[in-house]
PDB file of N, CA and C in Angstrom:
ATOM      1  N   MET A   1      15.885  -9.422  59.721  1.00  0.00           N
ATOM      2  CA  MET A   1      16.715  -9.124  58.573  1.00  0.00           C
ATOM      3  C   MET A   1      15.828  -8.546  57.475  1.00  0.00           C
ATOM      4  N   GLY A   2      15.587  -9.172  56.443  1.00  0.00           N
ATOM      5  CA  GLY A   2      14.774  -8.628  55.368  1.00  0.00           C
ATOM      6  C   GLY A   2      15.377  -8.950  54.022  1.00  0.00           C
ATOM      7  N   TYR A   3      14.793  -8.400  53.011  1.00  0.00           N
ATOM      8  CA  TYR A   3      15.247  -8.648  51.643  1.00  0.00           C
ATOM      9  C   TYR A   3      15.446  -7.321  50.938  1.00  0.00           C
ATOM     10  N   GLN A   4      16.589  -7.171  50.311  1.00  0.00           N
ATOM     11  CA  GLN A   4      16.854  -5.973  49.517  1.00  0.00           C
ATOM     12  C   GLN A   4      16.751  -6.346  48.050  1.00  0.00           C
ATOM     13  N   ILE A   5      15.885  -5.656  47.356  1.00  0.00           N
ATOM     14  CA  ILE A   5      15.696  -5.924  45.935  1.00  0.00           C
ATOM     15  C   ILE A   5      16.929  -5.453  45.174  1.00  0.00           C
ATOM     16  N   PRO A   6      17.508  -6.355  44.347  1.00  0.00           N
ATOM     17  CA  PRO A   6      18.688  -5.962  43.568  1.00  0.00           C
ATOM     18  C   PRO A   6      18.340  -4.882  42.539  1.00  0.00           C
ATOM     19  N   ASP A   7      19.333  -4.171  42.071  1.00  0.00           N
ATOM     20  CA  ASP A   7      19.127  -3.145  41.052  1.00  0.00           C
ATOM     21  C   ASP A   7      19.029  -3.828  39.689  1.00  0.00           C
ATOM     22  N   TRP A   8      17.798  -4.236  39.340  1.00  0.00           N
ATOM     23  CA  TRP A   8      17.596  -4.950  38.091  1.00  0.00           C
ATOM     24  C   TRP A   8      17.845  -4.067  36.875  1.00  0.00           C
ATOM     25  N   LYS A   9      17.884  -2.773  37.057  1.00  0.00           N
ATOM     26  CA  LYS A   9      18.112  -1.874  35.926  1.00  0.00           C
ATOM     27  C   LYS A   9      19.535  -1.992  35.399  1.00  0.00           C
ATOM     28  N   LYS A  10      20.419  -2.561  36.211  1.00  0.00           N
ATOM     29  CA  LYS A  10      21.792  -2.803  35.770  1.00  0.00           C
ATOM     30  C   LYS A  10      21.903  -4.212  35.204  1.00  0.00           C
ATOM     31  N   SER A  11      20.806  -4.686  34.661  1.00  0.00           N
ATOM     32  CA  SER A  11      20.701  -6.043  34.146  1.00  0.00           C
ATOM     33  C   SER A  11      21.850  -6.371  33.197  1.00  0.00           C
ATOM     34  N   ILE A  12      22.390  -7.569  33.368  1.00  0.00           N
ATOM     35  CA  ILE A  12      23.485  -8.001  32.509  1.00  0.00           C
ATOM     36  C   ILE A  12      22.940  -8.727  31.284  1.00  0.00           C
ATOM     37  N   ASP A  13      23.799  -8.967  30.308  1.00  0.00           N
ATOM     38  CA  ASP A  13      23.369  -9.555  29.048  1.00  0.00           C
ATOM     39  C   ASP A  13      22.653 -10.890  29.218  1.00  0.00           C
ATOM     40  N   GLN A  14      23.022 -11.672  30.227  1.00  0.00           N
ATOM     41  CA  GLN A  14      22.372 -12.970  30.395  1.00  0.00           C
ATOM     42  C   GLN A  14      20.909 -12.822  30.813  1.00  0.00           C
ATOM     43  N   ASP A  15      20.500 -11.633  31.208  1.00  0.00           N
ATOM     44  CA  ASP A  15      19.109 -11.374  31.584  1.00  0.00           C
ATOM     45  C   ASP A  15      18.294 -10.845  30.408  1.00  0.00           C
ATOM     46  N   LYS A  16      18.846 -10.921  29.210  1.00  0.00           N
ATOM     47  CA  LYS A  16      18.203 -10.368  28.012  1.00  0.00           C
ATOM     48  C   LYS A  16      17.847 -11.478  27.027  1.00  0.00           C
ATOM     49  N   PHE A  17      16.924 -11.174  26.144  1.00  0.00           N
ATOM     50  CA  PHE A  17      16.482 -12.100  25.102  1.00  0.00           C
ATOM     51  C   PHE A  17      16.513 -11.346  23.781  1.00  0.00           C
ATOM     52  N   ASP A  18      17.248 -11.870  22.808  1.00  0.00           N
ATOM     53  CA  ASP A  18      17.380 -11.216  21.505  1.00  0.00           C
ATOM     54  C   ASP A  18      16.350 -11.750  20.519  1.00  0.00           C
ATOM     55  N   ILE A  19      15.813 -10.847  19.725  1.00  0.00           N
ATOM     56  CA  ILE A  19      14.844 -11.182  18.687  1.00  0.00           C
ATOM     57  C   ILE A  19      15.376 -10.614  17.379  1.00  0.00           C
ATOM     58  N   THR A  20      15.471 -11.471  16.356  1.00  0.00           N
ATOM     59  CA  THR A  20      15.952 -11.035  15.051  1.00  0.00           C
ATOM     60  C   THR A  20      14.787 -11.060  14.067  1.00  0.00           C
ATOM     61  N   THR A  21      14.545  -9.936  13.419  1.00  0.00           N
ATOM     62  CA  THR A  21      13.448  -9.836  12.454  1.00  0.00           C
ATOM     63  C   THR A  21      13.872 -10.480  11.134  1.00  0.00           C
ATOM     64  N   PRO A  22      12.911 -10.726  10.229  1.00  0.00           N
ATOM     65  CA  PRO A  22      13.256 -11.284   8.925  1.00  0.00           C
ATOM     66  C   PRO A  22      14.260 -10.412   8.156  1.00  0.00           C
ATOM     67  N   GLU A  23      14.279  -9.110   8.463  1.00  0.00           N
ATOM     68  CA  GLU A  23      15.228  -8.204   7.797  1.00  0.00           C
ATOM     69  C   GLU A  23      16.606  -8.224   8.448  1.00  0.00           C
ATOM     70  N   GLY A  24      16.755  -8.982   9.520  1.00  0.00           N
ATOM     71  CA  GLY A  24      18.049  -9.092  10.187  1.00  0.00           C
ATOM     72  C   GLY A  24      18.284  -8.087  11.301  1.00  0.00           C
ATOM     73  N   LYS A  25      17.301  -7.265  11.610  1.00  0.00           N
ATOM     74  CA  LYS A  25      17.452  -6.301  12.697  1.00  0.00           C
ATOM     75  C   LYS A  25      17.272  -7.025  14.027  1.00  0.00           C
ATOM     76  N   VAL A  26      18.159  -6.740  14.984  1.00  0.00           N
ATOM     77  CA  VAL A  26      18.118  -7.405  16.286  1.00  0.00           C
ATOM     78  C   VAL A  26      17.555  -6.450  17.335  1.00  0.00           C
ATOM     79  N   PHE A  27      16.552  -6.936  18.056  1.00  0.00           N
ATOM     80  CA  PHE A  27      15.957  -6.212  19.178  1.00  0.00           C
ATOM     81  C   PHE A  27      16.248  -7.010  20.437  1.00  0.00           C
ATOM     82  N   THR A  28      16.482  -6.318  21.533  1.00  0.00           N
ATOM     83  CA  THR A  28      16.750  -6.975  22.804  1.00  0.00           C
ATOM     84  C   THR A  28      15.689  -6.563  23.812  1.00  0.00           C
ATOM     85  N   ILE A  29      15.073  -7.583  24.426  1.00  0.00           N
ATOM     86  CA  ILE A  29      14.080  -7.339  25.468  1.00  0.00           C
ATOM     87  C   ILE A  29      14.526  -8.068  26.730  1.00  0.00           C
ATOM     88  N   PRO A  30      13.982  -7.698  27.877  1.00  0.00           N
ATOM     89  CA  PRO A  30      14.336  -8.427  29.094  1.00  0.00           C
ATOM     90  C   PRO A  30      13.787  -9.850  29.022  1.00  0.00           C
ATOM     91  N   LYS A  31      14.483 -10.792  29.644  1.00  0.00           N
ATOM     92  CA  LYS A  31      13.909 -12.123  29.773  1.00  0.00           C
ATOM     93  C   LYS A  31      12.572 -11.976  30.484  1.00  0.00           C
ATOM     94  N   ALA A  32      11.645 -12.871  30.186  1.00  0.00           N
ATOM     95  CA  ALA A  32      10.293 -12.777  30.734  1.00  0.00           C
ATOM     96  C   ALA A  32      10.295 -12.702  32.256  1.00  0.00           C
ATOM     97  N   GLU A  33      11.214 -13.387  32.894  1.00  0.00           N
ATOM     98  CA  GLU A  33      11.248 -13.391  34.361  1.00  0.00           C
ATOM     99  C   GLU A  33      11.708 -12.055  34.944  1.00  0.00           C
ATOM    100  N   TYR A  34      12.222 -11.163  34.115  1.00  0.00           N
ATOM    101  CA  TYR A  34      12.681  -9.856  34.587  1.00  0.00           C
ATOM    102  C   TYR A  34      11.720  -8.723  34.227  1.00  0.00           C
ATOM    103  N   LEU A  35      10.525  -9.067  33.750  1.00  0.00           N
ATOM    104  CA  LEU A  35       9.524  -8.036  33.489  1.00  0.00           C
ATOM    105  C   LEU A  35       9.066  -7.436  34.813  1.00  0.00           C
ATOM    106  N   THR A  36       8.705  -6.183  34.770  1.00  0.00           N
ATOM    107  CA  THR A  36       8.128  -5.548  35.954  1.00  0.00           C
ATOM    108  C   THR A  36       6.648  -5.936  36.034  1.00  0.00           C
ATOM    109  N   GLY A  37       6.043  -5.684  37.161  1.00  0.00           N
ATOM    110  CA  GLY A  37       4.615  -5.950  37.308  1.00  0.00           C
ATOM    111  C   GLY A  37       3.798  -5.201  36.280  1.00  0.00           C
ATOM    112  N   ARG A  38       4.186  -3.977  36.002  1.00  0.00           N
ATOM    113  CA  ARG A  38       3.476  -3.162  35.003  1.00  0.00           C
ATOM    114  C   ARG A  38       3.580  -3.813  33.613  1.00  0.00           C
ATOM    115  N   GLN A  39       4.749  -4.347  33.280  1.00  0.00           N
ATOM    116  CA  GLN A  39       4.927  -4.988  31.977  1.00  0.00           C
ATOM    117  C   GLN A  39       4.133  -6.288  31.879  1.00  0.00           C
ATOM    118  N   VAL A  40       4.102  -7.062  32.963  1.00  0.00           N
ATOM    119  CA  VAL A  40       3.314  -8.301  32.980  1.00  0.00           C
ATOM    120  C   VAL A  40       1.839  -7.971  32.783  1.00  0.00           C
ATOM    121  N   GLU A  41       1.376  -6.960  33.482  1.00  0.00           N
ATOM    122  CA  GLU A  41      -0.021  -6.533  33.352  1.00  0.00           C
ATOM    123  C   GLU A  41      -0.324  -6.103  31.914  1.00  0.00           C
ATOM    124  N   ALA A  42       0.606  -5.412  31.276  1.00  0.00           N
ATOM    125  CA  ALA A  42       0.407  -4.979  29.892  1.00  0.00           C
ATOM    126  C   ALA A  42       0.252  -6.191  28.971  1.00  0.00           C
ATOM    127  N   PHE A  43       1.065  -7.234  29.174  1.00  0.00           N
ATOM    128  CA  PHE A  43       0.928  -8.448  28.367  1.00  0.00           C
ATOM    129  C   PHE A  43      -0.412  -9.126  28.622  1.00  0.00           C
ATOM    130  N   GLN A  44      -0.809  -9.205  29.882  1.00  0.00           N
ATOM    131  CA  GLN A  44      -2.059  -9.879  30.228  1.00  0.00           C
ATOM    132  C   GLN A  44      -3.276  -9.164  29.659  1.00  0.00           C
ATOM    133  N   THR A  45      -3.188  -7.876  29.468  1.00  0.00           N
ATOM    134  CA  THR A  45      -4.321  -7.105  28.946  1.00  0.00           C
ATOM    135  C   THR A  45      -4.114  -6.670  27.496  1.00  0.00           C
ATOM    136  N   SER A  46      -3.133  -7.254  26.830  1.00  0.00           N
ATOM    137  CA  SER A  46      -2.795  -6.797  25.477  1.00  0.00           C
ATOM    138  C   SER A  46      -3.940  -6.980  24.484  1.00  0.00           C
ATOM    139  N   ASP A  47      -4.799  -7.982  24.701  1.00  0.00           N
ATOM    140  CA  ASP A  47      -5.924  -8.180  23.779  1.00  0.00           C
ATOM    141  C   ASP A  47      -6.900  -7.010  23.799  1.00  0.00           C
ATOM    142  N   SER A  48      -7.008  -6.344  24.945  1.00  0.00           N
ATOM    143  CA  SER A  48      -7.948  -5.225  25.055  1.00  0.00           C
ATOM    144  C   SER A  48      -7.256  -3.868  24.925  1.00  0.00           C
ATOM    145  N   ARG A  49      -5.964  -3.884  24.727  1.00  0.00           N
ATOM    146  CA  ARG A  49      -5.193  -2.644  24.638  1.00  0.00           C
ATOM    147  C   ARG A  49      -5.075  -2.200  23.180  1.00  0.00           C
ATOM    148  N   GLU A  50      -5.156  -0.913  22.953  1.00  0.00           N
ATOM    149  CA  GLU A  50      -4.989  -0.402  21.591  1.00  0.00           C
ATOM    150  C   GLU A  50      -3.593  -0.777  21.090  1.00  0.00           C
ATOM    151  N   GLY A  51      -3.540  -1.407  19.937  1.00  0.00           N
ATOM    152  CA  GLY A  51      -2.263  -1.843  19.383  1.00  0.00           C
ATOM    153  C   GLY A  51      -1.898  -3.256  19.792  1.00  0.00           C
ATOM    154  N   GLY A  52      -2.615  -3.806  20.772  1.00  0.00           N
ATOM    155  CA  GLY A  52      -2.403  -5.192  21.196  1.00  0.00           C
ATOM    156  C   GLY A  52      -0.976  -5.502  21.609  1.00  0.00           C
ATOM    157  N   ILE A  53      -0.581  -6.713  21.331  1.00  0.00           N
ATOM    158  CA  ILE A  53       0.748  -7.175  21.740  1.00  0.00           C
ATOM    159  C   ILE A  53       1.849  -6.369  21.052  1.00  0.00           C
ATOM    160  N   TYR A  54       1.557  -5.834  19.876  1.00  0.00           N
ATOM    161  CA  TYR A  54       2.565  -5.055  19.152  1.00  0.00           C
ATOM    162  C   TYR A  54       2.926  -3.783  19.921  1.00  0.00           C
ATOM    163  N   ALA A  55       1.938  -3.164  20.558  1.00  0.00           N
ATOM    164  CA  ALA A  55       2.199  -1.976  21.380  1.00  0.00           C
ATOM    165  C   ALA A  55       3.028  -2.349  22.603  1.00  0.00           C
ATOM    166  N   VAL A  56       2.731  -3.513  23.195  1.00  0.00           N
ATOM    167  CA  VAL A  56       3.493  -3.970  24.363  1.00  0.00           C
ATOM    168  C   VAL A  56       4.945  -4.235  23.967  1.00  0.00           C
ATOM    169  N   LEU A  57       5.147  -4.891  22.830  1.00  0.00           N
ATOM    170  CA  LEU A  57       6.514  -5.164  22.365  1.00  0.00           C
ATOM    171  C   LEU A  57       7.256  -3.866  22.061  1.00  0.00           C
ATOM    172  N   ASP A  58       6.546  -2.879  21.512  1.00  0.00           N
ATOM    173  CA  ASP A  58       7.164  -1.568  21.265  1.00  0.00           C
ATOM    174  C   ASP A  58       7.592  -0.900  22.567  1.00  0.00           C
ATOM    175  N   ASP A  59       6.824  -1.124  23.634  1.00  0.00           N
ATOM    176  CA  ASP A  59       7.201  -0.569  24.941  1.00  0.00           C
ATOM    177  C   ASP A  59       8.479  -1.219  25.468  1.00  0.00           C
ATOM    178  N   LEU A  60       8.648  -2.522  25.204  1.00  0.00           N
ATOM    179  CA  LEU A  60       9.843  -3.233  25.678  1.00  0.00           C
ATOM    180  C   LEU A  60      11.076  -2.882  24.854  1.00  0.00           C
ATOM    181  N   ALA A  61      10.894  -2.780  23.557  1.00  0.00           N
ATOM    182  CA  ALA A  61      11.993  -2.445  22.647  1.00  0.00           C
ATOM    183  C   ALA A  61      11.404  -1.581  21.537  1.00  0.00           C
ATOM    184  N   PRO A  62      11.614  -0.275  21.603  1.00  0.00           N
ATOM    185  CA  PRO A  62      11.034   0.621  20.603  1.00  0.00           C
ATOM    186  C   PRO A  62      11.297   0.148  19.171  1.00  0.00           C
ATOM    187  N   GLY A  63      10.207   0.029  18.414  1.00  0.00           N
ATOM    188  CA  GLY A  63      10.300  -0.404  17.024  1.00  0.00           C
ATOM    189  C   GLY A  63      10.043  -1.888  16.817  1.00  0.00           C
ATOM    190  N   LEU A  64      10.078  -2.689  17.882  1.00  0.00           N
ATOM    191  CA  LEU A  64       9.900  -4.141  17.732  1.00  0.00           C
ATOM    192  C   LEU A  64       8.488  -4.487  17.273  1.00  0.00           C
ATOM    193  N   GLY A  65       7.489  -3.938  17.920  1.00  0.00           N
ATOM    194  CA  GLY A  65       6.111  -4.221  17.516  1.00  0.00           C
ATOM    195  C   GLY A  65       5.856  -3.814  16.081  1.00  0.00           C
ATOM    196  N   GLU A  66       6.343  -2.651  15.721  1.00  0.00           N
ATOM    197  CA  GLU A  66       6.192  -2.164  14.342  1.00  0.00           C
ATOM    198  C   GLU A  66       6.904  -3.097  13.363  1.00  0.00           C
ATOM    199  N   ALA A  67       8.063  -3.621  13.746  1.00  0.00           N
ATOM    200  CA  ALA A  67       8.823  -4.525  12.879  1.00  0.00           C
ATOM    201  C   ALA A  67       8.108  -5.864  12.690  1.00  0.00           C
ATOM    202  N   LEU A  68       7.255  -6.237  13.645  1.00  0.00           N
ATOM    203  CA  LEU A  68       6.578  -7.536  13.584  1.00  0.00           C
ATOM    204  C   LEU A  68       5.143  -7.457  13.080  1.00  0.00           C
ATOM    205  N   ILE A  69       4.635  -6.265  12.842  1.00  0.00           N
ATOM    206  CA  ILE A  69       3.225  -6.096  12.487  1.00  0.00           C
ATOM    207  C   ILE A  69       2.847  -6.840  11.203  1.00  0.00           C
ATOM    208  N   ASP A  70       3.777  -7.011  10.274  1.00  0.00           N
ATOM    209  CA  ASP A  70       3.482  -7.714   9.023  1.00  0.00           C
ATOM    210  C   ASP A  70       3.930  -9.170   9.038  1.00  0.00           C
ATOM    211  N   VAL A  71       4.444  -9.632  10.176  1.00  0.00           N
ATOM    212  CA  VAL A  71       4.856 -11.032  10.333  1.00  0.00           C
ATOM    213  C   VAL A  71       3.609 -11.847  10.679  1.00  0.00           C
ATOM    214  N   PRO A  72       3.425 -13.033  10.085  1.00  0.00           N
ATOM    215  CA  PRO A  72       2.259 -13.848  10.438  1.00  0.00           C
ATOM    216  C   PRO A  72       2.171 -14.095  11.952  1.00  0.00           C
ATOM    217  N   VAL A  73       0.947 -14.065  12.472  1.00  0.00           N
ATOM    218  CA  VAL A  73       0.703 -14.225  13.908  1.00  0.00           C
ATOM    219  C   VAL A  73       1.312 -15.526  14.429  1.00  0.00           C
ATOM    220  N   LYS A  74       1.315 -16.570  13.621  1.00  0.00           N
ATOM    221  CA  LYS A  74       1.909 -17.854  14.017  1.00  0.00           C
ATOM    222  C   LYS A  74       3.325 -17.652  14.541  1.00  0.00           C
ATOM    223  N   TYR A  75       4.108 -16.843  13.853  1.00  0.00           N
ATOM    224  CA  TYR A  75       5.506 -16.645  14.239  1.00  0.00           C
ATOM    225  C   TYR A  75       5.640 -15.725  15.447  1.00  0.00           C
ATOM    226  N   VAL A  76       4.731 -14.790  15.586  1.00  0.00           N
ATOM    227  CA  VAL A  76       4.742 -13.932  16.779  1.00  0.00           C
ATOM    228  C   VAL A  76       4.421 -14.784  18.004  1.00  0.00           C
ATOM    229  N   LYS A  77       3.450 -15.699  17.872  1.00  0.00           N
ATOM    230  CA  LYS A  77       3.119 -16.609  18.974  1.00  0.00           C
ATOM    231  C   LYS A  77       4.306 -17.505  19.313  1.00  0.00           C
ATOM    232  N   GLU A  78       5.006 -18.005  18.287  1.00  0.00           N
ATOM    233  CA  GLU A  78       6.187 -18.842  18.522  1.00  0.00           C
ATOM    234  C   GLU A  78       7.280 -18.042  19.226  1.00  0.00           C
ATOM    235  N   LEU A  79       7.441 -16.789  18.836  1.00  0.00           N
ATOM    236  CA  LEU A  79       8.413 -15.910  19.484  1.00  0.00           C
ATOM    237  C   LEU A  79       8.099 -15.785  20.973  1.00  0.00           C
ATOM    238  N   VAL A  80       6.841 -15.503  21.307  1.00  0.00           N
ATOM    239  CA  VAL A  80       6.443 -15.346  22.708  1.00  0.00           C
ATOM    240  C   VAL A  80       6.637 -16.665  23.459  1.00  0.00           C
ATOM    241  N   ALA A  81       6.291 -17.792  22.831  1.00  0.00           N
ATOM    242  CA  ALA A  81       6.463 -19.101  23.472  1.00  0.00           C
ATOM    243  C   ALA A  81       7.940 -19.382  23.751  1.00  0.00           C
ATOM    244  N   ASP A  82       8.815 -19.101  22.792  1.00  0.00           N
ATOM    245  CA  ASP A  82      10.257 -19.311  22.994  1.00  0.00           C
ATOM    246  C   ASP A  82      10.801 -18.394  24.080  1.00  0.00           C
ATOM    247  N   TRP A  83      10.323 -17.166  24.112  1.00  0.00           N
ATOM    248  CA  TRP A  83      10.742 -16.192  25.123  1.00  0.00           C
ATOM    249  C   TRP A  83      10.357 -16.675  26.514  1.00  0.00           C
ATOM    250  N   GLN A  84       9.121 -17.185  26.644  1.00  0.00           N
ATOM    251  CA  GLN A  84       8.674 -17.716  27.932  1.00  0.00           C
ATOM    252  C   GLN A  84       9.447 -18.975  28.305  1.00  0.00           C
ATOM    253  N   LYS A  85       9.654 -19.858  27.340  1.00  0.00           N
ATOM    254  CA  LYS A  85      10.388 -21.105  27.589  1.00  0.00           C
ATOM    255  C   LYS A  85      11.807 -20.797  28.054  1.00  0.00           C
ATOM    256  N   ASP A  86      12.440 -19.805  27.450  1.00  0.00           N
ATOM    257  CA  ASP A  86      13.797 -19.403  27.821  1.00  0.00           C
ATOM    258  C   ASP A  86      13.880 -18.995  29.293  1.00  0.00           C
ATOM    259  N   ALA A  87      12.777 -18.451  29.813  1.00  0.00           N
ATOM    260  CA  ALA A  87      12.742 -18.009  31.209  1.00  0.00           C
ATOM    261  C   ALA A  87      12.188 -19.088  32.140  1.00  0.00           C
ATOM    262  N   GLY A  88      11.826 -20.246  31.575  1.00  0.00           N
ATOM    263  CA  GLY A  88      11.281 -21.311  32.394  1.00  0.00           C
ATOM    264  C   GLY A  88       9.828 -21.103  32.767  1.00  0.00           C
ATOM    265  N   ILE A  89       9.112 -20.341  31.945  1.00  0.00           N
ATOM    266  CA  ILE A  89       7.702 -20.049  32.208  1.00  0.00           C
ATOM    267  C   ILE A  89       6.855 -20.865  31.241  1.00  0.00           C
ATOM    268  N   ALA A  90       5.874 -21.587  31.772  1.00  0.00           N
ATOM    269  CA  ALA A  90       4.975 -22.370  30.934  1.00  0.00           C
ATOM    270  C   ALA A  90       3.976 -21.443  30.256  1.00  0.00           C
ATOM    271  N   LEU A  91       3.488 -21.845  29.094  1.00  0.00           N
ATOM    272  CA  LEU A  91       2.498 -21.040  28.385  1.00  0.00           C
ATOM    273  C   LEU A  91       1.294 -20.788  29.268  1.00  0.00           C
ATOM    274  N   GLY A  92       0.838 -19.555  29.277  1.00  0.00           N
ATOM    275  CA  GLY A  92      -0.315 -19.177  30.074  1.00  0.00           C
ATOM    276  C   GLY A  92       0.015 -18.863  31.516  1.00  0.00           C
ATOM    277  N   GLU A  93       1.264 -19.011  31.897  1.00  0.00           N
ATOM    278  CA  GLU A  93       1.677 -18.747  33.277  1.00  0.00           C
ATOM    279  C   GLU A  93       2.389 -17.408  33.314  1.00  0.00           C
ATOM    280  N   SER A  94       2.039 -16.585  34.266  1.00  0.00           N
ATOM    281  CA  SER A  94       2.706 -15.291  34.378  1.00  0.00           C
ATOM    282  C   SER A  94       4.062 -15.473  35.022  1.00  0.00           C
ATOM    283  N   SER A  95       4.957 -14.521  34.820  1.00  0.00           N
ATOM    284  CA  SER A  95       6.278 -14.612  35.434  1.00  0.00           C
ATOM    285  C   SER A  95       6.173 -14.592  36.949  1.00  0.00           C
ATOM    286  N   ALA A  96       5.167 -13.925  37.485  1.00  0.00           N
ATOM    287  CA  ALA A  96       5.007 -13.870  38.940  1.00  0.00           C
ATOM    288  C   ALA A  96       4.665 -15.245  39.502  1.00  0.00           C
ATOM    289  N   SER A  97       3.768 -15.986  38.838  1.00  0.00           N
ATOM    290  CA  SER A  97       3.398 -17.297  39.364  1.00  0.00           C
ATOM    291  C   SER A  97       4.465 -18.340  39.097  1.00  0.00           C
ATOM    292  N   ALA A  98       5.285 -18.155  38.080  1.00  0.00           N
ATOM    293  CA  ALA A  98       6.344 -19.112  37.783  1.00  0.00           C
ATOM    294  C   ALA A  98       7.403 -19.114  38.862  1.00  0.00           C
ATOM    295  N   ASN A  99       7.554 -18.014  39.537  1.00  0.00           N
ATOM    296  CA  ASN A  99       8.593 -17.902  40.556  1.00  0.00           C
ATOM    297  C   ASN A  99       8.095 -18.247  41.945  1.00  0.00           C
ATOM    298  N   SER A 100       6.830 -18.635  42.082  1.00  0.00           N
ATOM    299  CA  SER A 100       6.313 -18.939  43.415  1.00  0.00           C
ATOM    300  C   SER A 100       6.282 -20.425  43.676  1.00  0.00           C
TER     301      SER A 100
END
């Protein structure tokens, strides 16, 4: 038999995570468990990437990283922790290892 990968690009709203900025603007990103391998790799290497995590967030939702650049890092870390928790991923665990 085998396994057919579902069309994740037709992702439904329950597969999304909303982020509201202090100005009230809402950005929607995929739940952490629905990141592609390329996106997971971008997060894992964000410390060495130009623009850091803000560039990665901009890739997920254009304008999100820019909207958060002046937000204290404490709150950006809390945002990432809540996003991971929502997907059932422990801090420091990649989405790939959480599903194994």
